[in-house]
Every structure is written in C-alpha cells, then in structure tokens.
Amino acid sequence: MTKEVLITGCARSGTSMTAGILHMHGLFCGSTCGANRYNRKGMFENTAIRNGIVKPYLSLMGCDPMGQNPLPDTANLHPFKSLRKEMLDVLSKQGWDGQDWMYKGAKMCLFWPVLHEAFPKAKWVIVRRADDEIVNSCMKTAFMRKRTTPEEWQEWIDHHKRCFNEMHECGLDIFELWPSKFVYGDLSELHELIDWLGLEWNQQAVDDFIEPKFWSGK
C-alpha cells in the first residue's frame, strides 16, 4: 500500500529540514521550491499544491493564505470534497506513479479535518519546537509579518498547539518530532521516525540535512 505522509507544524520549527531528510529517504515530493536565504537546503514544499490548492482554500474562508493572521476555525471549515483528487492530480503531472509520497506544509494543521477526510490513512509528522525559539525566529523573519509582537506570535503558536491536540484526540496516525534533538546529535527520535514510516535509514541523507549553525539562527 502506498504511504501518504503529511508533514506539518508551526512555521519556523524545522519542517523543511525534516521534509528534506524524508525526501532523501525515498518519499516522492514532486515540484519543490529551492534554496533561499531562509533555507539553504530548500523548502521541500510542493509549490503547485501550496499555491494552487492550499492558499486558495485558506483565502476562500477569508483567512490569511500565509497562515498567519487571521486563522481558520477547524470547527467551521468549508468542505473540500475534491482535495484528494486535486492533490494526486498535481503529483501525477509531476511524475508520481504510485510510489510513497509526502507533502510538507506548516499550514496543513490549520485545516487538518479536511485533509484527514481526504487522506484518512495518512501518516502525520508534526514537527515541534520550543515556543520561545519559534517566537524569536518569527520576529526575525521578514515574511512572518502579519503579527508584530512576541505576545501575538505566542497566540499564533497556541492556536497551532490546539490543532495538534485536536489531531491527537481524533486518533490521527501521528509521530511528533523535535528537530532540536537530532540537530545537536541525538538521532534516536529520527531513527524512530524512519522506522515508523517503514523506510531504510540513510546516514548520508541525515548528514547532508543537519546543519546546527543554521538552526540556531532560524
């Protein structure tokens, strides 16, 4: 059976690094945006899905397509019956032929119920980071501009954490990963993730994507 892996978490938590590692372990991700000043390895988010499906869906609900402010209410989401077909159609056009695949998107947790309806057997990877580190990173990142104070960013983080709790309470198949552990040398949780996904450990991929000097400044 094809593995469907959805990677999410607060922005600035290490979702791109996590996605890059999983891609190098064999998960198909289609067309991704490349390296930029925020991430020297690449963002590993399918740009066609992000720009053609996710952002328009958030805008349809009157929410910020950047997932910053305002945020959607997971209890009052617009139905999206064609979501599975639209996402798989994009992947197919990019060369997907049924192999294990992933989509990374920090915004996914903001409308997780419609994604769960579309992909009920998906494995979810929730990437976590300490609140104060996320706040500091958001305050320093130019595109994180819809909130301006530490208090406003903490409110944003708390909203995401409520979404994570909802996902757990509804029984989604979830692995929570803290990149801060493997960035500084503890690979045990990353090994557990690779095993959980049924992938074969690739030490070279791990070595390529873990860069502590960039993590501290995120």
N, C-alpha and C. Protein backbone atom coordinates (compact mmCIF):
# COMPACT_ATOMS: atom_id res chain seq x y z
N MET A 1 0.84 -1.20 0.00
CA MET A 1 0.00 0.00 0.00
C MET A 1 0.88 1.25 0.00
N THR A 2 0.51 2.22 -0.82
CA THR A 2 1.28 3.46 -0.92
C THR A 2 1.22 4.24 0.39
N LYS A 3 2.38 4.68 0.85
CA LYS A 3 2.43 5.52 2.04
C LYS A 3 2.12 6.96 1.66
N GLU A 4 1.25 7.58 2.44
CA GLU A 4 0.92 9.00 2.27
C GLU A 4 1.36 9.70 3.55
N VAL A 5 2.33 10.59 3.44
CA VAL A 5 2.93 11.23 4.62
C VAL A 5 2.71 12.73 4.55
N LEU A 6 2.07 13.27 5.58
CA LEU A 6 1.78 14.70 5.66
C LEU A 6 2.59 15.30 6.80
N ILE A 7 3.43 16.28 6.48
CA ILE A 7 4.36 16.87 7.44
C ILE A 7 3.90 18.29 7.75
N THR A 8 3.67 18.59 9.02
CA THR A 8 3.19 19.91 9.39
C THR A 8 3.79 20.33 10.72
N GLY A 9 3.39 21.49 11.21
CA GLY A 9 3.92 22.06 12.45
C GLY A 9 3.93 23.56 12.32
N CYS A 10 4.22 24.27 13.39
CA CYS A 10 4.36 25.72 13.28
C CYS A 10 5.46 26.04 12.27
N ALA A 11 5.26 27.07 11.48
CA ALA A 11 6.35 27.57 10.65
C ALA A 11 7.53 27.93 11.56
N ARG A 12 8.74 27.79 11.05
CA ARG A 12 9.98 28.08 11.78
C ARG A 12 10.31 27.01 12.80
N SER A 13 9.77 25.80 12.61
CA SER A 13 10.01 24.72 13.55
C SER A 13 10.97 23.65 13.03
N GLY A 14 11.35 23.72 11.76
CA GLY A 14 12.20 22.69 11.18
C GLY A 14 11.47 21.75 10.26
N THR A 15 10.28 22.16 9.76
CA THR A 15 9.52 21.29 8.85
C THR A 15 10.27 21.04 7.55
N SER A 16 10.97 22.06 7.05
CA SER A 16 11.68 21.89 5.78
C SER A 16 12.85 20.94 5.92
N MET A 17 13.61 21.06 7.00
CA MET A 17 14.72 20.15 7.22
C MET A 17 14.22 18.72 7.38
N THR A 18 13.12 18.55 8.11
CA THR A 18 12.53 17.23 8.28
C THR A 18 12.08 16.67 6.94
N ALA A 19 11.41 17.49 6.14
CA ALA A 19 10.94 17.05 4.82
C ALA A 19 12.11 16.68 3.92
N GLY A 20 13.17 17.46 3.97
CA GLY A 20 14.34 17.16 3.15
C GLY A 20 14.94 15.82 3.49
N ILE A 21 15.04 15.53 4.77
CA ILE A 21 15.57 14.24 5.21
C ILE A 21 14.67 13.10 4.72
N LEU A 22 13.35 13.26 4.84
CA LEU A 22 12.44 12.20 4.42
C LEU A 22 12.45 12.03 2.90
N HIS A 23 12.58 13.13 2.18
CA HIS A 23 12.69 13.03 0.72
C HIS A 23 13.93 12.23 0.34
N MET A 24 15.04 12.48 1.02
CA MET A 24 16.27 11.75 0.73
C MET A 24 16.19 10.29 1.17
N HIS A 25 15.19 9.97 1.97
CA HIS A 25 14.95 8.58 2.34
C HIS A 25 13.96 7.90 1.39
N GLY A 26 13.56 8.60 0.33
CA GLY A 26 12.80 7.94 -0.72
C GLY A 26 11.37 8.39 -0.95
N LEU A 27 10.87 9.36 -0.17
CA LEU A 27 9.50 9.81 -0.38
C LEU A 27 9.43 10.81 -1.52
N PHE A 28 8.51 10.58 -2.44
CA PHE A 28 8.30 11.48 -3.58
C PHE A 28 7.64 12.77 -3.08
N CYS A 29 8.15 13.92 -3.54
CA CYS A 29 7.53 15.18 -3.13
C CYS A 29 7.22 16.11 -4.30
N GLY A 30 7.51 15.69 -5.52
CA GLY A 30 7.13 16.50 -6.67
C GLY A 30 7.95 17.76 -6.80
N SER A 31 7.30 18.82 -7.25
CA SER A 31 7.97 20.09 -7.51
C SER A 31 8.09 20.88 -6.21
N THR A 32 9.31 21.16 -5.81
CA THR A 32 9.53 21.88 -4.56
C THR A 32 10.31 23.16 -4.82
N CYS A 33 10.10 24.12 -3.93
CA CYS A 33 10.87 25.36 -4.05
C CYS A 33 12.28 25.11 -3.54
N GLY A 34 13.24 25.76 -4.18
CA GLY A 34 14.64 25.51 -3.87
C GLY A 34 15.17 26.34 -2.72
N ALA A 35 16.49 26.34 -2.61
CA ALA A 35 17.15 27.04 -1.52
C ALA A 35 16.91 28.54 -1.63
N ASN A 36 16.84 29.19 -0.50
CA ASN A 36 16.76 30.65 -0.45
C ASN A 36 17.44 31.12 0.82
N ARG A 37 17.34 32.40 1.12
CA ARG A 37 18.07 32.92 2.27
C ARG A 37 17.53 32.41 3.59
N TYR A 38 16.31 31.82 3.57
CA TYR A 38 15.75 31.28 4.79
C TYR A 38 16.10 29.81 4.98
N ASN A 39 16.44 29.15 3.89
CA ASN A 39 16.74 27.72 3.97
C ASN A 39 17.69 27.36 2.84
N ARG A 40 18.92 27.07 3.18
CA ARG A 40 19.96 26.82 2.17
C ARG A 40 19.84 25.45 1.51
N LYS A 41 19.05 24.57 2.08
CA LYS A 41 18.86 23.25 1.51
C LYS A 41 17.63 23.18 0.61
N GLY A 42 16.68 24.07 0.81
CA GLY A 42 15.42 24.02 0.08
C GLY A 42 14.26 23.87 1.02
N MET A 43 13.08 24.24 0.56
CA MET A 43 11.90 24.23 1.41
C MET A 43 11.15 22.91 1.38
N PHE A 44 11.31 22.14 0.30
CA PHE A 44 10.69 20.82 0.16
C PHE A 44 9.18 20.86 0.37
N GLU A 45 8.58 21.91 -0.16
CA GLU A 45 7.13 22.01 -0.17
C GLU A 45 6.67 22.12 -1.62
N ASN A 46 5.74 21.29 -2.01
CA ASN A 46 5.28 21.26 -3.39
C ASN A 46 4.62 22.59 -3.72
N THR A 47 5.27 23.39 -4.57
CA THR A 47 4.79 24.74 -4.83
C THR A 47 3.45 24.76 -5.55
N ALA A 48 3.20 23.78 -6.42
CA ALA A 48 1.93 23.75 -7.14
C ALA A 48 0.77 23.46 -6.19
N ILE A 49 0.99 22.57 -5.23
CA ILE A 49 -0.06 22.29 -4.25
C ILE A 49 -0.23 23.48 -3.31
N ARG A 50 0.87 24.04 -2.86
CA ARG A 50 0.79 25.18 -1.94
C ARG A 50 0.08 26.37 -2.57
N ASN A 51 0.52 26.75 -3.78
CA ASN A 51 -0.01 27.96 -4.41
C ASN A 51 -1.34 27.74 -5.13
N GLY A 52 -1.56 26.51 -5.62
CA GLY A 52 -2.77 26.25 -6.40
C GLY A 52 -3.92 25.64 -5.63
N ILE A 53 -3.63 25.09 -4.44
CA ILE A 53 -4.68 24.41 -3.67
C ILE A 53 -4.78 24.97 -2.25
N VAL A 54 -3.68 24.96 -1.51
CA VAL A 54 -3.72 25.34 -0.09
C VAL A 54 -4.04 26.81 0.10
N LYS A 55 -3.29 27.68 -0.54
CA LYS A 55 -3.52 29.12 -0.35
C LYS A 55 -4.90 29.55 -0.83
N PRO A 56 -5.37 29.11 -2.00
CA PRO A 56 -6.74 29.48 -2.40
C PRO A 56 -7.80 28.98 -1.44
N TYR A 57 -7.59 27.79 -0.86
CA TYR A 57 -8.57 27.27 0.10
C TYR A 57 -8.63 28.15 1.34
N LEU A 58 -7.49 28.55 1.87
CA LEU A 58 -7.47 29.44 3.03
C LEU A 58 -8.12 30.78 2.69
N SER A 59 -7.83 31.31 1.51
CA SER A 59 -8.43 32.58 1.09
C SER A 59 -9.94 32.46 0.96
N LEU A 60 -10.44 31.32 0.48
CA LEU A 60 -11.87 31.10 0.34
C LEU A 60 -12.59 31.26 1.67
N MET A 61 -11.92 30.91 2.75
CA MET A 61 -12.52 31.02 4.07
C MET A 61 -12.30 32.38 4.71
N GLY A 62 -11.71 33.31 3.96
CA GLY A 62 -11.45 34.63 4.49
C GLY A 62 -10.27 34.66 5.43
N CYS A 63 -9.38 33.69 5.31
CA CYS A 63 -8.21 33.60 6.18
C CYS A 63 -6.95 33.99 5.42
N ASP A 64 -5.90 34.22 6.16
CA ASP A 64 -4.63 34.59 5.56
C ASP A 64 -4.04 33.41 4.81
N PRO A 65 -3.79 33.53 3.51
CA PRO A 65 -3.20 32.42 2.76
C PRO A 65 -1.79 32.06 3.23
N MET A 66 -1.16 32.97 3.98
CA MET A 66 0.15 32.68 4.56
C MET A 66 0.04 31.92 5.88
N GLY A 67 -1.18 31.77 6.37
CA GLY A 67 -1.38 31.04 7.61
C GLY A 67 -0.88 31.77 8.84
N GLN A 68 -1.01 33.12 8.82
CA GLN A 68 -0.51 33.90 9.95
C GLN A 68 -1.63 34.64 10.70
N ASN A 69 -2.43 35.42 9.99
CA ASN A 69 -3.50 36.16 10.65
C ASN A 69 -4.41 36.80 9.59
N PRO A 70 -5.73 36.47 9.64
CA PRO A 70 -6.44 35.61 10.59
C PRO A 70 -6.31 34.13 10.24
N LEU A 71 -6.63 33.30 11.24
CA LEU A 71 -6.52 31.85 11.11
C LEU A 71 -7.90 31.22 11.03
N PRO A 72 -8.00 30.05 10.37
CA PRO A 72 -9.31 29.38 10.27
C PRO A 72 -9.72 28.72 11.58
N ASP A 73 -11.01 28.51 11.71
CA ASP A 73 -11.58 27.77 12.83
C ASP A 73 -11.78 26.34 12.36
N THR A 74 -11.08 25.39 12.96
CA THR A 74 -11.16 24.00 12.49
C THR A 74 -12.56 23.40 12.66
N ALA A 75 -13.40 24.04 13.48
CA ALA A 75 -14.76 23.53 13.67
C ALA A 75 -15.73 24.07 12.61
N ASN A 76 -15.28 25.02 11.81
CA ASN A 76 -16.16 25.64 10.80
C ASN A 76 -15.40 25.82 9.49
N LEU A 77 -14.99 24.71 8.93
CA LEU A 77 -14.24 24.74 7.68
C LEU A 77 -15.15 24.50 6.48
N HIS A 78 -14.81 25.13 5.36
CA HIS A 78 -15.52 24.83 4.12
C HIS A 78 -15.21 23.40 3.69
N PRO A 79 -16.20 22.66 3.21
CA PRO A 79 -15.91 21.31 2.69
C PRO A 79 -14.99 21.40 1.48
N PHE A 80 -14.21 20.35 1.28
CA PHE A 80 -13.28 20.33 0.14
C PHE A 80 -13.25 18.90 -0.38
N LYS A 81 -14.37 18.49 -0.99
CA LYS A 81 -14.55 17.11 -1.41
C LYS A 81 -13.56 16.66 -2.47
N SER A 82 -13.05 17.60 -3.26
CA SER A 82 -12.15 17.22 -4.35
C SER A 82 -10.67 17.31 -3.96
N LEU A 83 -10.38 17.53 -2.68
CA LEU A 83 -9.00 17.76 -2.27
C LEU A 83 -8.08 16.60 -2.63
N ARG A 84 -8.50 15.38 -2.34
CA ARG A 84 -7.64 14.23 -2.65
C ARG A 84 -7.33 14.16 -4.14
N LYS A 85 -8.36 14.27 -4.96
CA LYS A 85 -8.15 14.19 -6.41
C LYS A 85 -7.24 15.30 -6.90
N GLU A 86 -7.45 16.51 -6.41
CA GLU A 86 -6.65 17.64 -6.88
C GLU A 86 -5.18 17.47 -6.51
N MET A 87 -4.92 17.04 -5.28
CA MET A 87 -3.52 16.86 -4.87
C MET A 87 -2.86 15.73 -5.64
N LEU A 88 -3.56 14.62 -5.81
CA LEU A 88 -2.96 13.49 -6.53
C LEU A 88 -2.79 13.80 -8.01
N ASP A 89 -3.69 14.61 -8.56
CA ASP A 89 -3.54 15.03 -9.96
C ASP A 89 -2.26 15.85 -10.14
N VAL A 90 -2.00 16.75 -9.19
CA VAL A 90 -0.77 17.54 -9.26
C VAL A 90 0.45 16.64 -9.20
N LEU A 91 0.45 15.72 -8.25
CA LEU A 91 1.59 14.81 -8.12
C LEU A 91 1.79 13.98 -9.39
N SER A 92 0.69 13.52 -9.97
CA SER A 92 0.79 12.71 -11.19
C SER A 92 1.41 13.50 -12.33
N LYS A 93 1.04 14.76 -12.46
CA LYS A 93 1.61 15.61 -13.51
C LYS A 93 3.10 15.85 -13.29
N GLN A 94 3.54 15.68 -12.05
CA GLN A 94 4.95 15.90 -11.72
C GLN A 94 5.77 14.61 -11.73
N GLY A 95 5.15 13.51 -12.14
CA GLY A 95 5.88 12.27 -12.29
C GLY A 95 5.57 11.19 -11.28
N TRP A 96 4.61 11.44 -10.38
CA TRP A 96 4.25 10.42 -9.39
C TRP A 96 3.52 9.28 -10.10
N ASP A 97 3.93 8.04 -9.81
CA ASP A 97 3.29 6.88 -10.44
C ASP A 97 2.88 5.84 -9.40
N GLY A 98 2.53 6.30 -8.22
CA GLY A 98 2.04 5.40 -7.20
C GLY A 98 3.01 5.09 -6.08
N GLN A 99 4.22 5.66 -6.13
CA GLN A 99 5.18 5.39 -5.07
C GLN A 99 4.83 6.18 -3.79
N ASP A 100 5.51 5.83 -2.70
CA ASP A 100 5.29 6.54 -1.44
C ASP A 100 5.57 8.03 -1.63
N TRP A 101 4.71 8.87 -1.07
CA TRP A 101 4.87 10.31 -1.28
C TRP A 101 4.62 11.09 0.00
N MET A 102 5.03 12.35 -0.03
CA MET A 102 4.83 13.23 1.12
C MET A 102 4.43 14.62 0.62
N TYR A 103 3.75 15.34 1.50
CA TYR A 103 3.56 16.77 1.28
C TYR A 103 3.87 17.48 2.59
N LYS A 104 4.73 18.46 2.51
CA LYS A 104 5.07 19.25 3.69
C LYS A 104 4.37 20.60 3.61
N GLY A 105 3.66 20.96 4.68
CA GLY A 105 3.02 22.26 4.70
C GLY A 105 2.67 22.65 6.13
N ALA A 106 3.30 23.69 6.64
CA ALA A 106 3.01 24.14 8.00
C ALA A 106 1.54 24.50 8.17
N LYS A 107 0.91 24.96 7.09
CA LYS A 107 -0.49 25.40 7.17
C LYS A 107 -1.48 24.24 7.28
N MET A 108 -1.05 23.02 7.00
CA MET A 108 -2.00 21.89 6.96
C MET A 108 -2.70 21.66 8.29
N CYS A 109 -1.99 21.87 9.39
CA CYS A 109 -2.63 21.63 10.68
C CYS A 109 -3.78 22.59 10.92
N LEU A 110 -3.82 23.72 10.21
CA LEU A 110 -4.87 24.72 10.40
C LEU A 110 -6.20 24.27 9.80
N PHE A 111 -6.16 23.31 8.88
CA PHE A 111 -7.41 22.76 8.33
C PHE A 111 -7.31 21.24 8.23
N TRP A 112 -6.76 20.66 9.28
CA TRP A 112 -6.49 19.23 9.28
C TRP A 112 -7.74 18.36 9.06
N PRO A 113 -8.95 18.77 9.52
CA PRO A 113 -10.10 17.85 9.31
C PRO A 113 -10.37 17.54 7.84
N VAL A 114 -10.22 18.53 6.95
CA VAL A 114 -10.50 18.25 5.54
C VAL A 114 -9.39 17.39 4.93
N LEU A 115 -8.18 17.54 5.41
CA LEU A 115 -7.10 16.68 4.95
C LEU A 115 -7.27 15.26 5.46
N HIS A 116 -7.72 15.12 6.69
CA HIS A 116 -7.96 13.79 7.23
C HIS A 116 -9.09 13.09 6.47
N GLU A 117 -10.10 13.85 6.08
CA GLU A 117 -11.18 13.27 5.28
C GLU A 117 -10.66 12.81 3.92
N ALA A 118 -9.75 13.61 3.33
CA ALA A 118 -9.21 13.26 2.02
C ALA A 118 -8.20 12.12 2.09
N PHE A 119 -7.43 12.07 3.17
CA PHE A 119 -6.37 11.07 3.31
C PHE A 119 -6.48 10.40 4.69
N PRO A 120 -7.52 9.59 4.89
CA PRO A 120 -7.77 9.02 6.22
C PRO A 120 -6.69 8.06 6.70
N LYS A 121 -5.89 7.51 5.79
CA LYS A 121 -4.85 6.56 6.18
C LYS A 121 -3.46 7.20 6.20
N ALA A 122 -3.40 8.50 6.05
CA ALA A 122 -2.11 9.18 6.01
C ALA A 122 -1.40 9.09 7.35
N LYS A 123 -0.08 9.07 7.28
CA LYS A 123 0.76 9.21 8.46
C LYS A 123 1.14 10.69 8.58
N TRP A 124 0.91 11.25 9.76
CA TRP A 124 1.19 12.66 10.01
C TRP A 124 2.48 12.80 10.82
N VAL A 125 3.35 13.68 10.38
CA VAL A 125 4.53 14.04 11.14
C VAL A 125 4.34 15.48 11.61
N ILE A 126 4.21 15.67 12.92
CA ILE A 126 4.09 17.01 13.48
C ILE A 126 5.45 17.42 14.02
N VAL A 127 6.00 18.47 13.44
CA VAL A 127 7.33 18.94 13.83
C VAL A 127 7.18 19.99 14.93
N ARG A 128 7.91 19.80 16.02
CA ARG A 128 7.76 20.65 17.20
C ARG A 128 9.05 21.42 17.50
N ARG A 129 8.86 22.55 18.15
CA ARG A 129 9.99 23.36 18.60
C ARG A 129 9.55 24.17 19.81
N ALA A 130 10.46 24.52 20.69
CA ALA A 130 10.13 25.29 21.88
C ALA A 130 9.48 26.62 21.49
N ASP A 131 8.45 27.01 22.24
CA ASP A 131 7.69 28.22 21.91
C ASP A 131 8.59 29.45 21.78
N ASP A 132 9.48 29.65 22.73
CA ASP A 132 10.29 30.87 22.71
C ASP A 132 11.21 30.91 21.50
N GLU A 133 11.68 29.75 21.04
CA GLU A 133 12.53 29.72 19.85
C GLU A 133 11.72 30.06 18.61
N ILE A 134 10.47 29.57 18.54
CA ILE A 134 9.62 29.91 17.40
C ILE A 134 9.33 31.41 17.39
N VAL A 135 8.98 31.95 18.55
CA VAL A 135 8.69 33.39 18.64
C VAL A 135 9.90 34.19 18.16
N ASN A 136 11.08 33.86 18.66
CA ASN A 136 12.29 34.61 18.27
C ASN A 136 12.54 34.51 16.78
N SER A 137 12.31 33.33 16.21
CA SER A 137 12.52 33.15 14.77
C SER A 137 11.51 33.96 13.96
N CYS A 138 10.25 33.93 14.38
CA CYS A 138 9.22 34.70 13.67
C CYS A 138 9.53 36.19 13.70
N MET A 139 10.01 36.67 14.83
CA MET A 139 10.30 38.10 14.97
C MET A 139 11.45 38.53 14.06
N LYS A 140 12.29 37.58 13.67
CA LYS A 140 13.46 37.90 12.84
C LYS A 140 13.27 37.60 11.37
N THR A 141 12.14 36.98 11.01
CA THR A 141 11.94 36.50 9.64
C THR A 141 11.03 37.45 8.87
N ALA A 142 11.52 37.96 7.75
CA ALA A 142 10.81 39.02 7.02
C ALA A 142 9.42 38.61 6.57
N PHE A 143 9.25 37.37 6.10
CA PHE A 143 7.93 37.00 5.56
C PHE A 143 6.92 36.66 6.66
N MET A 144 7.36 36.58 7.90
CA MET A 144 6.43 36.39 9.02
C MET A 144 6.05 37.78 9.51
N ARG A 145 5.12 38.41 8.81
CA ARG A 145 4.89 39.84 9.02
C ARG A 145 3.47 40.19 9.48
N LYS A 146 2.59 39.21 9.61
CA LYS A 146 1.20 39.51 9.94
C LYS A 146 0.96 39.68 11.44
N ARG A 147 1.98 39.41 12.24
CA ARG A 147 1.94 39.67 13.67
C ARG A 147 3.25 40.37 14.03
N THR A 148 3.23 41.20 15.05
CA THR A 148 4.39 42.06 15.28
C THR A 148 5.00 41.96 16.67
N THR A 149 4.31 41.39 17.63
CA THR A 149 4.83 41.33 18.99
C THR A 149 5.01 39.88 19.43
N PRO A 150 5.87 39.64 20.42
CA PRO A 150 6.01 38.28 20.94
C PRO A 150 4.69 37.70 21.44
N GLU A 151 3.86 38.55 22.03
CA GLU A 151 2.57 38.09 22.54
C GLU A 151 1.66 37.62 21.40
N GLU A 152 1.67 38.35 20.30
CA GLU A 152 0.85 37.96 19.15
C GLU A 152 1.35 36.65 18.55
N TRP A 153 2.66 36.47 18.48
CA TRP A 153 3.19 35.22 17.94
C TRP A 153 2.93 34.06 18.89
N GLN A 154 2.94 34.31 20.20
CA GLN A 154 2.62 33.25 21.14
C GLN A 154 1.17 32.81 20.97
N GLU A 155 0.28 33.76 20.74
CA GLU A 155 -1.13 33.43 20.49
C GLU A 155 -1.24 32.55 19.25
N TRP A 156 -0.48 32.85 18.23
CA TRP A 156 -0.45 32.06 16.99
C TRP A 156 0.05 30.65 17.26
N ILE A 157 1.11 30.53 18.05
CA ILE A 157 1.64 29.22 18.43
C ILE A 157 0.60 28.43 19.21
N ASP A 158 -0.07 29.08 20.14
CA ASP A 158 -1.08 28.40 20.96
C ASP A 158 -2.21 27.85 20.09
N HIS A 159 -2.57 28.60 19.04
CA HIS A 159 -3.60 28.11 18.11
C HIS A 159 -3.12 26.82 17.44
N HIS A 160 -1.88 26.80 16.99
CA HIS A 160 -1.33 25.59 16.37
C HIS A 160 -1.33 24.42 17.36
N LYS A 161 -0.96 24.68 18.59
CA LYS A 161 -0.90 23.61 19.60
C LYS A 161 -2.29 23.05 19.88
N ARG A 162 -3.30 23.90 19.83
CA ARG A 162 -4.67 23.39 19.97
C ARG A 162 -5.02 22.47 18.81
N CYS A 163 -4.58 22.85 17.61
CA CYS A 163 -4.81 21.99 16.45
C CYS A 163 -4.11 20.65 16.62
N PHE A 164 -2.88 20.66 17.12
CA PHE A 164 -2.16 19.40 17.35
C PHE A 164 -2.93 18.52 18.32
N ASN A 165 -3.44 19.13 19.39
CA ASN A 165 -4.19 18.37 20.39
C ASN A 165 -5.45 17.77 19.78
N GLU A 166 -6.14 18.54 18.95
CA GLU A 166 -7.34 18.03 18.28
C GLU A 166 -7.01 16.82 17.42
N MET A 167 -5.90 16.90 16.72
CA MET A 167 -5.48 15.81 15.84
C MET A 167 -5.23 14.54 16.64
N HIS A 168 -4.57 14.69 17.76
CA HIS A 168 -4.33 13.53 18.63
C HIS A 168 -5.64 12.97 19.17
N GLU A 169 -6.51 13.87 19.63
CA GLU A 169 -7.77 13.43 20.24
C GLU A 169 -8.65 12.70 19.24
N CYS A 170 -8.53 13.04 17.96
CA CYS A 170 -9.36 12.40 16.93
C CYS A 170 -8.71 11.13 16.37
N GLY A 171 -7.57 10.75 16.92
CA GLY A 171 -6.98 9.46 16.57
C GLY A 171 -6.20 9.41 15.28
N LEU A 172 -5.72 10.54 14.79
CA LEU A 172 -4.89 10.51 13.59
C LEU A 172 -3.59 9.77 13.89
N ASP A 173 -3.00 9.20 12.84
CA ASP A 173 -1.77 8.43 12.97
C ASP A 173 -0.60 9.42 12.96
N ILE A 174 -0.07 9.74 14.15
CA ILE A 174 0.84 10.87 14.31
C ILE A 174 2.16 10.47 14.94
N PHE A 175 3.24 11.06 14.43
CA PHE A 175 4.54 11.00 15.07
C PHE A 175 4.99 12.43 15.31
N GLU A 176 5.28 12.79 16.56
CA GLU A 176 5.78 14.13 16.86
C GLU A 176 7.30 14.08 16.92
N LEU A 177 7.92 15.02 16.21
CA LEU A 177 9.37 15.05 16.07
C LEU A 177 9.90 16.40 16.54
N TRP A 178 10.96 16.37 17.33
CA TRP A 178 11.62 17.60 17.81
C TRP A 178 13.00 17.69 17.16
N PRO A 179 13.15 18.44 16.06
CA PRO A 179 14.44 18.53 15.37
C PRO A 179 15.59 19.01 16.25
N SER A 180 15.28 19.78 17.30
CA SER A 180 16.35 20.26 18.18
C SER A 180 17.16 19.09 18.74
N LYS A 181 16.52 17.93 18.87
CA LYS A 181 17.24 16.77 19.40
C LYS A 181 18.28 16.27 18.40
N PHE A 182 17.86 16.05 17.14
CA PHE A 182 18.82 15.49 16.20
C PHE A 182 19.79 16.53 15.66
N VAL A 183 19.41 17.80 15.69
CA VAL A 183 20.33 18.85 15.27
C VAL A 183 21.59 18.84 16.14
N TYR A 184 21.41 18.54 17.43
CA TYR A 184 22.53 18.55 18.35
C TYR A 184 23.02 17.16 18.73
N GLY A 185 22.75 16.18 17.86
CA GLY A 185 23.44 14.92 17.98
C GLY A 185 22.65 13.72 18.44
N ASP A 186 21.44 13.92 18.96
CA ASP A 186 20.62 12.78 19.41
C ASP A 186 19.74 12.32 18.26
N LEU A 187 20.15 11.26 17.59
CA LEU A 187 19.44 10.79 16.40
C LEU A 187 18.37 9.75 16.72
N SER A 188 18.17 9.44 17.99
CA SER A 188 17.27 8.34 18.35
C SER A 188 15.85 8.59 17.86
N GLU A 189 15.33 9.79 18.03
CA GLU A 189 13.96 10.08 17.61
C GLU A 189 13.84 10.04 16.09
N LEU A 190 14.87 10.50 15.39
CA LEU A 190 14.86 10.45 13.93
C LEU A 190 14.89 9.01 13.45
N HIS A 191 15.68 8.17 14.11
CA HIS A 191 15.68 6.74 13.78
C HIS A 191 14.27 6.16 13.97
N GLU A 192 13.60 6.54 15.06
CA GLU A 192 12.25 6.03 15.33
C GLU A 192 11.29 6.46 14.22
N LEU A 193 11.42 7.70 13.76
CA LEU A 193 10.55 8.19 12.69
C LEU A 193 10.75 7.38 11.41
N ILE A 194 12.01 7.17 11.03
CA ILE A 194 12.29 6.42 9.81
C ILE A 194 11.74 4.99 9.92
N ASP A 195 11.90 4.38 11.07
CA ASP A 195 11.35 3.04 11.28
C ASP A 195 9.83 3.07 11.21
N TRP A 196 9.22 4.05 11.85
CA TRP A 196 7.76 4.19 11.88
C TRP A 196 7.18 4.30 10.48
N LEU A 197 7.92 4.97 9.60
CA LEU A 197 7.48 5.13 8.22
C LEU A 197 7.85 3.94 7.34
N GLY A 198 8.57 2.99 7.89
CA GLY A 198 8.96 1.81 7.12
C GLY A 198 10.00 2.11 6.07
N LEU A 199 10.86 3.10 6.33
CA LEU A 199 11.91 3.47 5.39
C LEU A 199 13.25 2.91 5.85
N GLU A 200 14.21 2.88 4.96
CA GLU A 200 15.55 2.38 5.28
C GLU A 200 16.45 3.55 5.63
N TRP A 201 17.11 3.46 6.77
CA TRP A 201 17.97 4.54 7.26
C TRP A 201 19.05 4.90 6.25
N ASN A 202 19.22 6.20 6.01
CA ASN A 202 20.21 6.72 5.07
C ASN A 202 21.07 7.74 5.81
N GLN A 203 22.21 7.30 6.28
CA GLN A 203 23.07 8.18 7.08
C GLN A 203 23.54 9.38 6.28
N GLN A 204 23.82 9.19 4.99
CA GLN A 204 24.28 10.31 4.17
C GLN A 204 23.23 11.40 4.08
N ALA A 205 21.96 11.01 3.96
CA ALA A 205 20.88 12.00 3.91
C ALA A 205 20.82 12.79 5.21
N VAL A 206 20.97 12.10 6.31
CA VAL A 206 20.94 12.77 7.61
C VAL A 206 22.10 13.75 7.73
N ASP A 207 23.28 13.31 7.36
CA ASP A 207 24.45 14.18 7.44
C ASP A 207 24.30 15.42 6.56
N ASP A 208 23.68 15.24 5.39
CA ASP A 208 23.51 16.35 4.46
C ASP A 208 22.57 17.42 4.96
N PHE A 209 21.55 17.03 5.73
CA PHE A 209 20.49 17.98 6.07
C PHE A 209 20.56 18.56 7.48
N ILE A 210 21.42 18.04 8.31
CA ILE A 210 21.51 18.56 9.67
C ILE A 210 22.64 19.59 9.73
N GLU A 211 22.28 20.84 9.94
CA GLU A 211 23.24 21.92 10.00
C GLU A 211 22.98 22.79 11.24
N PRO A 212 23.59 22.45 12.37
CA PRO A 212 23.34 23.19 13.61
C PRO A 212 23.61 24.68 13.50
N LYS A 213 24.58 25.09 12.71
CA LYS A 213 24.91 26.52 12.66
C LYS A 213 23.78 27.35 12.05
N PHE A 214 22.97 26.73 11.19
CA PHE A 214 21.84 27.44 10.62
C PHE A 214 20.62 27.34 11.52
N TRP A 215 20.48 26.21 12.23
CA TRP A 215 19.33 26.03 13.12
C TRP A 215 19.28 27.10 14.20
N SER A 216 20.42 27.41 14.80
CA SER A 216 20.44 28.33 15.94
C SER A 216 19.99 29.73 15.54
N GLY A 217 20.14 30.06 14.26
CA GLY A 217 19.78 31.39 13.81
C GLY A 217 18.43 31.48 13.13
N LYS A 218 17.69 30.37 13.13
CA LYS A 218 16.41 30.36 12.40
C LYS A 218 15.40 31.28 13.05
